[in-house]
Amino acid sequence: MWIPVESRPMNTPRYTAEVKPGEVVSVSWLNRAAREALEGSFPLLWIGGEVSTLTRAASGHVYFTLKDADAQVRCTMWRNRAQLLPFRLEHGMRVEVRALVTLFEPRGDYQLNVEAVRQAGVGNLYEAFLRLKARLDAEGLFDPAVKRPLPRFPRGIAVVTSPQAAAWQDVIAALGRRAPHLPLTLYPTPVQGDGAPGRIVAAIRRAGQRAAADGNDVLLLVRGGGSLEDLAAFNAEEVARAIRACPLPVVVGVGHETDVSIADFAADLRAATPTAAAELASAGFADLRERLEHVAARLGRALQRRLDTAAQRLDRAAARLAHPRQRIGQARLRLDNLAQRLQSRIQRQLAAGVAQRTALGLRLAARRPDLGARRTRLETLAERLGRAGRTGLERRRQRLDALAQHLAHLDPRGVLSRGYSITRDAAGTIVRNAADLEPGARIEVEFHAGRVEATVDRQSD
């Protein structure tokens, strides 16, 4: 479906290049100014023509020429736009493009940046579609208040479609998966081409008339996707009125997710695809199956819990219902076990006491003193002390004698006793050099025994 774009009238350029007289501009500046002037002067508009010299680049961009009998223009459609095309663009195809007039600056090429492409004539079909939709809506044909709810558990489903269409196989597969017990009644009809609207209306009326006899409670009107021309039969006014006149609630599943027709608005419920239409008609059974599965799972878990609880109670009751002889035997075994444990514990405690006493005796024996050995050692030490004292005294006496002899050697009187004397001047100063005395000087000479005073007569070396 194409959304119309309102184009504003051609206006004067919004971009005015300002160039001073005599100024020289670059080619880049000129091309940029030309591009801005073109983009500012022309709105986003629809242009019709024939596709020529079509090229698909490895990047996904599409390049082609749009021409008529007198002129042509280069066109570029970027990948993000080209991949949204509902049909394959081919050489020689007559199309209408919605494009922005621009200029490719690096080469200075005037071109169109294409936003969307539709086959020639689609715009008229869509305008007719919008007019019919508005008129029927004003009549209240699409009023939500007149929509009928689907039965939760239909007895059977009537299907209006072509037996050769993939939509019929999609419905069979969906219901076979979700509600295989549900009977289907096919009312065959062409879904496109000349005479298709009248055949569709006749099939809908026949399904409504035979609803009670065939046991059907809901009607599915389905077909696969296609272009606006392919879906023209479902945009017919008589088909919409037949849907509202049908005594059965009608689910329309025409095309794909993005396809919308007049039949979709007239239906009691619209489905995105034929498969979705079958799923909506059987939703009650699918919900019931899920609910039954959930209830069955809960019932199984509850039953298992009851069984587990009963088994535990049975085990406990069996344990309490033991025979008296068996209980006496169990008590005797328990008593013997306790006696063995008591005896073993007493033996371990006695052994521990003996070991502790032995260890304490060893520690006491290790710490008791040996008086004989200690006395012998004391005597030995006393004898060593006496010898050491005597030896020390003798050593100190010998050292004292040696010091006394040394001191005697240093005594001046000992020197004088060997014939030496000490000479002093009148001041009492010892004279060591004869040159220090003048002839006639008074001197004092000290001998080992006594002193004399004398006068210096002369000096000699």
Protein backbone atom coordinates (compact mmCIF):
# COMPACT_ATOMS: atom_id res chain seq x y z
CA MET A 1 0.00 0.00 0.00
CA TRP A 2 1.27 3.44 -0.92
CA ILE A 3 0.86 6.44 1.34
CA PRO A 4 0.25 9.61 -0.73
CA VAL A 5 2.72 12.44 -0.35
CA GLU A 6 1.40 15.95 -0.57
CA SER A 7 3.70 18.03 -2.79
CA ARG A 8 3.88 21.77 -2.34
CA PRO A 9 3.89 23.94 -5.49
CA MET A 10 7.14 24.83 -7.15
CA ASN A 11 8.65 27.78 -5.36
CA THR A 12 11.46 30.15 -5.97
CA PRO A 13 14.99 29.02 -5.02
CA ARG A 14 15.70 29.37 -1.34
CA TYR A 15 19.44 29.33 -1.94
CA THR A 16 21.09 32.37 -3.51
CA ALA A 17 24.82 32.15 -4.20
CA GLU A 18 26.57 35.38 -3.39
CA VAL A 19 29.54 36.05 -5.70
CA LYS A 20 31.38 39.34 -5.75
CA PRO A 21 32.07 40.93 -9.14
CA GLY A 22 35.28 39.57 -10.58
CA GLU A 23 35.53 36.78 -7.96
CA VAL A 24 36.74 33.39 -9.19
CA VAL A 25 35.03 30.37 -7.59
CA SER A 26 36.07 26.73 -7.61
CA VAL A 27 34.25 23.91 -9.38
CA SER A 28 33.47 22.34 -6.00
CA TRP A 29 31.85 25.56 -4.83
CA LEU A 30 29.82 25.81 -8.04
CA ASN A 31 28.56 22.20 -7.85
CA ARG A 32 27.68 22.56 -4.17
CA ALA A 33 25.79 25.78 -4.88
CA ALA A 34 23.94 24.13 -7.76
CA ARG A 35 22.98 21.13 -5.60
CA GLU A 36 21.68 23.32 -2.79
CA ALA A 37 19.73 25.44 -5.31
CA LEU A 38 18.12 22.32 -6.83
CA GLU A 39 17.23 20.72 -3.49
CA GLY A 40 15.85 23.99 -2.19
CA SER A 41 13.78 24.68 -5.29
CA PHE A 42 12.07 21.33 -5.92
CA PRO A 43 9.90 19.47 -3.39
CA LEU A 44 9.82 15.70 -2.94
CA LEU A 45 7.57 14.77 -5.90
CA TRP A 46 6.27 11.87 -7.99
CA ILE A 47 7.73 11.51 -11.51
CA GLY A 48 6.52 9.02 -14.14
CA GLY A 49 8.56 7.39 -16.86
CA GLU A 50 10.15 4.24 -18.27
CA VAL A 51 13.11 2.42 -16.63
CA SER A 52 16.23 2.20 -18.79
CA THR A 53 19.91 1.19 -18.33
CA LEU A 54 19.18 -0.51 -15.00
CA THR A 55 22.24 -1.48 -12.90
CA ARG A 56 22.35 -3.22 -9.52
CA ALA A 57 25.64 -2.62 -7.70
CA ALA A 58 27.26 -5.17 -5.41
CA SER A 59 26.61 -2.76 -2.52
CA GLY A 60 22.85 -3.12 -3.06
CA HIS A 61 22.33 0.35 -4.57
CA VAL A 62 20.27 0.56 -7.78
CA TYR A 63 21.12 2.93 -10.63
CA PHE A 64 18.83 3.49 -13.62
CA THR A 65 17.59 6.08 -16.09
CA LEU A 66 14.00 7.34 -16.10
CA LYS A 67 12.93 8.49 -19.57
CA ASP A 68 9.96 9.47 -21.68
CA ALA A 69 9.64 10.24 -25.41
CA ASP A 70 11.56 13.53 -25.20
CA ALA A 71 13.96 13.44 -22.22
CA GLN A 72 15.70 11.32 -19.59
CA VAL A 73 17.20 11.74 -16.13
CA ARG A 74 19.60 9.60 -14.09
CA CYS A 75 18.22 8.05 -10.89
CA THR A 76 19.88 6.57 -7.79
CA MET A 77 18.08 4.41 -5.23
CA TRP A 78 20.11 3.57 -2.15
CA ARG A 79 20.17 0.06 -0.72
CA ASN A 80 18.04 0.82 2.37
CA ARG A 81 15.27 2.01 0.02
CA ALA A 82 15.76 -0.57 -2.75
CA GLN A 83 15.40 -3.53 -0.41
CA LEU A 84 11.90 -2.33 0.58
CA LEU A 85 10.53 -2.55 -2.97
CA PRO A 86 7.50 -4.93 -3.13
CA PHE A 87 8.46 -5.96 -6.69
CA ARG A 88 11.62 -6.40 -8.77
CA LEU A 89 12.50 -3.36 -10.85
CA GLU A 90 13.19 -4.35 -14.48
CA HIS A 91 14.36 -2.64 -17.66
CA GLY A 92 11.49 -1.21 -19.72
CA MET A 93 9.05 -1.11 -16.78
CA ARG A 94 6.77 1.94 -16.56
CA VAL A 95 6.93 3.29 -13.05
CA GLU A 96 6.30 6.34 -10.89
CA VAL A 97 9.12 7.36 -8.55
CA ARG A 98 9.03 9.59 -5.52
CA ALA A 99 12.35 11.43 -5.67
CA LEU A 100 14.39 14.43 -4.61
CA VAL A 101 15.96 16.50 -7.39
CA THR A 102 19.67 16.90 -6.65
CA LEU A 103 23.15 16.98 -8.16
CA PHE A 104 26.07 14.56 -7.65
CA GLU A 105 28.85 17.02 -6.80
CA PRO A 106 31.98 14.94 -7.65
CA ARG A 107 30.89 14.57 -11.34
CA GLY A 108 28.45 17.45 -11.62
CA ASP A 109 25.67 15.05 -12.73
CA TYR A 110 22.07 16.15 -12.38
CA GLN A 111 20.07 13.22 -10.93
CA LEU A 112 17.13 12.04 -8.83
CA ASN A 113 17.54 10.42 -5.38
CA VAL A 114 14.64 7.94 -5.40
CA GLU A 115 12.78 7.32 -2.12
CA ALA A 116 10.05 4.95 -3.42
CA VAL A 117 8.88 3.32 -6.63
CA ARG A 118 5.41 2.16 -7.66
CA GLN A 119 4.13 0.71 -10.89
CA ALA A 120 2.33 3.19 -13.09
CA GLY A 121 -1.37 3.46 -12.22
CA VAL A 122 -1.03 2.33 -8.59
CA GLY A 123 -1.63 5.86 -7.40
CA ASN A 124 -5.06 5.92 -9.04
CA LEU A 125 -5.98 2.56 -7.53
CA TYR A 126 -5.01 3.74 -4.08
CA GLU A 127 -7.00 6.94 -4.44
CA ALA A 128 -10.03 4.85 -5.36
CA PHE A 129 -9.30 2.62 -2.35
CA LEU A 130 -9.26 5.61 -0.01
CA ARG A 131 -12.47 7.06 -1.43
CA LEU A 132 -14.33 3.76 -1.08
CA LYS A 133 -13.01 3.23 2.45
CA ALA A 134 -14.15 6.71 3.51
CA ARG A 135 -17.65 6.22 2.01
CA LEU A 136 -18.21 2.80 3.58
CA ASP A 137 -16.87 4.02 6.89
CA ALA A 138 -19.30 6.93 6.81
CA GLU A 139 -22.15 4.42 6.28
CA GLY A 140 -21.10 2.61 9.48
CA LEU A 141 -20.02 -0.55 7.67
CA PHE A 142 -16.75 -0.59 9.66
CA ASP A 143 -18.28 0.38 13.00
CA PRO A 144 -16.73 -1.74 15.80
CA ALA A 145 -20.18 -1.97 17.41
CA VAL A 146 -21.43 -4.23 14.59
CA LYS A 147 -18.48 -6.61 14.81
CA ARG A 148 -19.48 -10.13 15.92
CA PRO A 149 -17.36 -12.18 18.33
CA LEU A 150 -16.01 -15.52 17.21
CA PRO A 151 -17.42 -18.67 18.84
CA ARG A 152 -14.99 -20.07 21.37
CA PHE A 153 -15.45 -23.67 20.21
CA PRO A 154 -16.77 -23.69 16.62
CA ARG A 155 -18.27 -26.95 15.27
CA GLY A 156 -16.82 -26.37 11.82
CA ILE A 157 -15.09 -23.70 9.69
CA ALA A 158 -16.05 -22.50 6.22
CA VAL A 159 -13.14 -21.33 4.06
CA VAL A 160 -13.58 -19.09 1.01
CA THR A 161 -10.46 -19.12 -1.16
CA SER A 162 -8.93 -20.69 -4.25
CA PRO A 163 -8.13 -24.41 -3.86
CA GLN A 164 -4.87 -23.79 -5.78
CA ALA A 165 -3.82 -20.94 -3.49
CA ALA A 166 -1.09 -21.39 -0.88
CA ALA A 167 -3.50 -19.80 1.62
CA TRP A 168 -5.69 -22.94 1.57
CA GLN A 169 -2.68 -25.14 2.41
CA ASP A 170 -1.66 -22.72 5.18
CA VAL A 171 -5.13 -22.98 6.75
CA ILE A 172 -5.10 -26.80 6.54
CA ALA A 173 -1.61 -26.95 8.13
CA ALA A 174 -2.47 -24.52 10.94
CA LEU A 175 -5.75 -26.26 11.87
CA GLY A 176 -4.17 -29.71 11.54
CA ARG A 177 -1.62 -28.60 14.12
CA ARG A 178 -3.98 -26.81 16.52
CA ALA A 179 -7.43 -28.45 16.04
CA PRO A 180 -7.18 -31.55 13.81
CA HIS A 181 -10.72 -32.67 14.80
CA LEU A 182 -12.31 -29.51 13.40
CA PRO A 183 -14.04 -30.10 10.00
CA LEU A 184 -13.30 -27.69 7.14
CA THR A 185 -15.62 -26.83 4.25
CA LEU A 186 -14.03 -25.20 1.22
CA TYR A 187 -16.10 -22.87 -0.95
CA PRO A 188 -13.80 -22.46 -3.96
CA THR A 189 -13.55 -19.17 -5.79
CA PRO A 190 -10.94 -17.22 -7.79
CA VAL A 191 -9.21 -14.61 -5.65
CA GLN A 192 -8.02 -12.29 -8.43
CA GLY A 193 -8.72 -11.41 -12.02
CA ASP A 194 -11.82 -10.36 -13.89
CA GLY A 195 -15.03 -11.54 -12.28
CA ALA A 196 -13.28 -12.45 -9.00
CA PRO A 197 -15.32 -10.01 -6.82
CA GLY A 198 -18.65 -11.50 -7.99
CA ARG A 199 -17.39 -15.06 -7.49
CA ILE A 200 -16.16 -14.20 -3.99
CA VAL A 201 -19.55 -12.66 -3.10
CA ALA A 202 -21.34 -15.78 -4.39
CA ALA A 203 -19.06 -18.08 -2.32
CA ILE A 204 -19.68 -16.02 0.83
CA ARG A 205 -23.46 -16.15 0.31
CA ARG A 206 -23.38 -19.90 -0.35
CA ALA A 207 -21.34 -20.48 2.83
CA GLY A 208 -23.85 -18.44 4.85
CA GLN A 209 -26.83 -20.28 3.38
CA ARG A 210 -25.33 -23.72 4.07
CA ALA A 211 -23.94 -22.88 7.51
CA ALA A 212 -26.51 -24.96 9.41
CA ALA A 213 -26.37 -27.90 6.98
CA ASP A 214 -22.57 -27.97 6.88
CA GLY A 215 -22.24 -27.38 10.64
CA ASN A 216 -20.05 -24.28 10.30
CA ASP A 217 -19.91 -21.49 12.89
CA VAL A 218 -17.23 -19.18 11.42
CA LEU A 219 -16.03 -18.21 7.92
CA LEU A 220 -12.45 -17.57 6.81
CA LEU A 221 -11.82 -15.38 3.74
CA VAL A 222 -8.14 -15.84 2.90
CA ARG A 223 -5.53 -15.44 0.15
CA GLY A 224 -1.80 -14.77 -0.13
CA GLY A 225 -0.06 -11.43 -0.50
CA GLY A 226 0.35 -9.38 -3.66
CA SER A 227 0.38 -5.96 -5.17
CA LEU A 228 -2.49 -3.50 -4.97
CA GLU A 229 -3.76 -4.75 -8.34
CA ASP A 230 -3.62 -8.37 -7.13
CA LEU A 231 -5.74 -7.49 -4.08
CA ALA A 232 -8.28 -5.48 -6.13
CA ALA A 233 -10.99 -8.12 -5.67
CA PHE A 234 -10.83 -7.69 -1.90
CA ASN A 235 -11.17 -3.91 -2.28
CA ALA A 236 -14.51 -4.27 -4.10
CA GLU A 237 -17.58 -2.73 -2.49
CA GLU A 238 -19.79 -5.79 -3.12
CA VAL A 239 -17.29 -8.03 -1.26
CA ALA A 240 -17.35 -5.74 1.79
CA ARG A 241 -21.18 -5.70 1.82
CA ALA A 242 -21.32 -9.49 1.41
CA ILE A 243 -19.03 -9.88 4.44
CA ARG A 244 -21.35 -7.74 6.58
CA ALA A 245 -24.43 -9.59 5.27
CA CYS A 246 -23.01 -13.03 6.01
CA PRO A 247 -24.77 -14.74 8.99
CA LEU A 248 -21.44 -16.20 10.12
CA PRO A 249 -18.71 -14.15 11.81
CA VAL A 250 -16.02 -13.53 9.19
CA VAL A 251 -12.23 -13.57 9.68
CA VAL A 252 -10.28 -12.04 6.79
CA GLY A 253 -6.65 -13.04 6.31
CA VAL A 254 -5.52 -11.43 3.07
CA GLY A 255 -1.89 -10.99 2.11
CA HIS A 256 0.97 -10.38 4.49
CA GLU A 257 1.41 -8.27 7.62
CA THR A 258 1.59 -4.98 5.68
CA ASP A 259 -1.29 -5.69 3.22
CA VAL A 260 -4.58 -3.98 4.08
CA SER A 261 -7.81 -4.23 2.07
CA ILE A 262 -11.41 -3.03 2.30
CA ALA A 263 -12.36 -6.60 3.27
CA ASP A 264 -10.11 -6.28 6.35
CA PHE A 265 -12.08 -3.28 7.59
CA ALA A 266 -15.46 -4.95 6.90
CA ALA A 267 -14.52 -8.24 8.59
CA ASP A 268 -15.50 -9.07 12.15
CA LEU A 269 -11.85 -9.83 12.82
CA ARG A 270 -8.74 -9.14 10.74
CA ALA A 271 -5.79 -11.53 10.65
CA ALA A 272 -2.34 -10.63 9.37
CA THR A 273 -1.99 -13.83 7.31
CA PRO A 274 -4.10 -16.90 6.36
CA THR A 275 -2.26 -18.89 9.02
CA ALA A 276 -3.11 -16.26 11.62
CA ALA A 277 -6.79 -16.40 10.53
CA ALA A 278 -6.86 -20.17 11.16
CA GLU A 279 -5.18 -19.68 14.54
CA LEU A 280 -7.73 -17.05 15.58
CA ALA A 281 -10.65 -19.32 14.58
CA SER A 282 -9.21 -22.22 16.61
CA ALA A 283 -7.92 -20.12 19.51
CA GLY A 284 -10.47 -21.60 21.91
CA PHE A 285 -9.33 -25.16 21.24
CA ALA A 286 -5.68 -24.19 21.54
CA ASP A 287 -6.33 -22.39 24.82
CA LEU A 288 -8.35 -25.34 26.06
CA ARG A 289 -5.57 -27.77 25.13
CA GLU A 290 -3.02 -25.64 26.99
CA ARG A 291 -5.36 -25.42 29.97
CA LEU A 292 -6.00 -29.18 29.92
CA GLU A 293 -2.26 -29.83 29.72
CA HIS A 294 -1.72 -27.47 32.65
CA VAL A 295 -4.53 -29.12 34.66
CA ALA A 296 -3.18 -32.58 33.80
CA ALA A 297 0.28 -31.57 34.96
CA ARG A 298 -1.15 -30.17 38.22
CA LEU A 299 -3.26 -33.32 38.70
CA GLY A 300 -0.23 -35.54 38.13
CA ARG A 301 1.85 -33.56 40.63
CA ALA A 302 -0.96 -33.65 43.21
CA LEU A 303 -1.43 -37.40 42.73
CA GLN A 304 2.31 -38.00 43.10
CA ARG A 305 2.36 -35.94 46.30
CA ARG A 306 -0.56 -37.98 47.68
CA LEU A 307 1.24 -41.23 46.83
CA ASP A 308 4.50 -40.03 48.40
CA THR A 309 2.70 -38.94 51.57
CA ALA A 310 0.84 -42.25 51.83
CA ALA A 311 4.10 -44.18 51.33
CA GLN A 312 5.79 -42.23 54.14
CA ARG A 313 2.84 -42.83 56.47
CA LEU A 314 2.94 -46.54 55.62
CA ASP A 315 6.67 -46.73 56.39
CA ARG A 316 6.17 -45.01 59.75
CA ALA A 317 3.23 -47.26 60.65
CA ALA A 318 5.23 -50.35 59.71
CA ALA A 319 8.06 -49.18 61.94
CA ARG A 320 5.69 -48.81 64.89
CA LEU A 321 4.04 -52.24 64.35
CA ALA A 322 7.19 -54.34 65.12
CA HIS A 323 6.71 -57.71 67.02
CA PRO A 324 7.45 -57.59 70.82
CA ARG A 325 10.09 -60.34 70.48
CA GLN A 326 11.75 -58.28 67.78
CA ARG A 327 11.62 -55.15 69.92
CA ILE A 328 13.09 -57.10 72.89
CA GLY A 329 15.86 -58.39 70.65
CA GLN A 330 16.53 -54.85 69.43
CA ALA A 331 16.64 -53.61 73.05
CA ARG A 332 19.03 -56.44 74.00
CA LEU A 333 21.30 -55.57 71.11
CA ARG A 334 21.22 -51.93 72.10
CA LEU A 335 21.99 -52.88 75.75
CA ASP A 336 24.94 -55.07 74.69
CA ASN A 337 26.18 -52.27 72.53
CA LEU A 338 25.97 -49.79 75.39
CA ALA A 339 27.77 -52.26 77.74
CA GLN A 340 30.57 -52.70 75.24
CA ARG A 341 30.86 -48.99 74.81
CA LEU A 342 30.96 -48.53 78.64
CA GLN A 343 33.62 -51.19 79.12
CA SER A 344 35.69 -49.83 76.31
CA ARG A 345 35.45 -46.34 77.74
CA ILE A 346 36.52 -47.54 81.24
CA GLN A 347 39.51 -49.39 79.76
CA ARG A 348 40.53 -46.34 77.79
CA GLN A 349 40.30 -44.14 80.89
CA LEU A 350 42.36 -46.66 83.00
CA ALA A 351 45.00 -46.92 80.30
CA ALA A 352 45.13 -43.15 80.08
CA GLY A 353 45.59 -42.92 83.91
CA VAL A 354 48.43 -45.47 83.90
CA ALA A 355 50.16 -43.69 81.06
CA GLN A 356 49.81 -40.36 82.84
CA ARG A 357 51.23 -41.78 86.11
CA THR A 358 54.20 -43.31 84.27
CA ALA A 359 54.90 -40.01 82.52
CA LEU A 360 54.77 -38.10 85.82
CA GLY A 361 57.13 -40.64 87.47
CA LEU A 362 59.61 -40.22 84.63
CA ARG A 363 59.37 -36.44 84.88
CA LEU A 364 59.92 -36.66 88.71
CA ALA A 365 62.90 -38.98 88.33
CA ALA A 366 64.34 -36.65 85.72
CA ARG A 367 64.04 -33.66 88.08
CA ARG A 368 65.36 -35.38 91.42
CA PRO A 369 68.96 -34.09 92.23
CA ASP A 370 72.02 -36.51 92.64
CA LEU A 371 73.51 -35.37 95.93
CA GLY A 372 76.72 -37.48 95.65
CA ALA A 373 77.48 -36.19 92.21
CA ARG A 374 76.65 -32.67 93.25
CA ARG A 375 78.96 -32.99 96.33
CA THR A 376 81.82 -34.34 94.21
CA ARG A 377 81.34 -31.53 91.74
CA LEU A 378 81.30 -28.98 94.62
CA GLU A 379 84.56 -30.33 96.02
CA THR A 380 86.14 -30.25 92.60
CA LEU A 381 85.02 -26.67 92.10
CA ALA A 382 86.32 -25.64 95.56
CA GLU A 383 89.71 -27.19 94.84
CA ARG A 384 89.83 -25.43 91.47
CA LEU A 385 88.91 -22.17 93.20
CA GLY A 386 91.75 -22.53 95.74
CA ARG A 387 94.30 -23.27 93.04
CA ALA A 388 93.06 -20.39 90.99
CA GLY A 389 93.34 -18.01 93.99
CA ARG A 390 96.88 -19.04 94.78
CA THR A 391 97.93 -18.91 91.18
CA GLY A 392 96.44 -15.45 90.83
CA LEU A 393 98.21 -14.14 93.92
CA GLU A 394 101.54 -15.53 92.78
CA ARG A 395 101.11 -14.02 89.33
CA ARG A 396 100.26 -10.60 90.79
CA ARG A 397 103.23 -10.76 93.22
CA GLN A 398 105.63 -11.49 90.34
CA ARG A 399 104.15 -8.63 88.33
CA LEU A 400 104.55 -6.28 91.34
CA ASP A 401 108.23 -7.25 91.68
CA ALA A 402 108.79 -6.63 87.98
CA LEU A 403 107.15 -3.22 88.24
CA ALA A 404 109.26 -2.35 91.30
CA GLN A 405 112.46 -3.26 89.45
CA HIS A 406 111.38 -1.23 86.47
CA LEU A 407 110.56 1.71 88.71
CA ALA A 408 113.99 1.40 90.37
CA HIS A 409 115.63 1.57 86.96
CA LEU A 410 113.76 4.78 86.26
CA ASP A 411 114.73 6.41 89.63
CA PRO A 412 117.29 9.27 89.10
CA ARG A 413 119.08 8.24 92.28
CA GLY A 414 119.93 4.93 90.72
CA VAL A 415 121.52 6.78 87.82
CA LEU A 416 123.49 9.04 90.19
CA SER A 417 124.76 5.94 92.05
CA ARG A 418 126.49 4.84 88.86
CA GLY A 419 128.64 8.04 88.85
CA TYR A 420 126.41 10.47 87.04
CA SER A 421 125.46 13.94 88.31
CA ILE A 422 122.80 16.61 87.70
CA THR A 423 123.84 20.22 86.94
CA ARG A 424 121.46 23.15 87.55
CA ASP A 425 121.92 26.88 86.83
CA ALA A 426 121.33 29.64 89.35
CA ALA A 427 117.59 29.43 88.65
CA GLY A 428 117.53 25.69 89.48
CA THR A 429 116.94 24.61 85.89
CA ILE A 430 118.71 21.44 84.80
CA VAL A 431 121.42 22.26 82.26
CA ARG A 432 121.55 19.93 79.29
CA ASN A 433 123.82 21.90 76.94
CA ALA A 434 127.14 23.50 77.93
CA ALA A 435 126.47 26.31 75.46
CA ASP A 436 123.72 27.51 77.75
CA LEU A 437 126.30 28.57 80.43
CA GLU A 438 128.54 31.60 80.30
CA PRO A 439 132.00 31.70 81.91
CA GLY A 440 131.62 32.92 85.52
CA ALA A 441 128.09 31.55 85.84
CA ARG A 442 127.15 29.98 89.16
CA ILE A 443 126.02 26.33 88.95
CA GLU A 444 124.97 23.58 91.39
CA VAL A 445 126.10 19.96 90.87
CA GLU A 446 124.10 17.15 92.55
CA PHE A 447 125.83 13.76 93.19
CA HIS A 448 124.58 10.46 94.53
CA ALA A 449 125.58 11.67 97.89
CA GLY A 450 125.59 15.45 98.43
CA ARG A 451 125.79 18.67 96.36
CA VAL A 452 128.41 21.29 95.54
CA GLU A 453 128.31 24.84 94.15
CA ALA A 454 130.82 25.87 91.45
CA THR A 455 131.67 28.62 88.98
CA VAL A 456 132.10 28.08 85.20
CA ASP A 457 135.64 29.01 84.07
CA ARG A 458 135.38 28.17 80.38
CA GLN A 459 133.39 26.20 77.74
CA SER A 460 134.60 23.37 75.51
CA ASP A 461 132.85 21.25 72.86
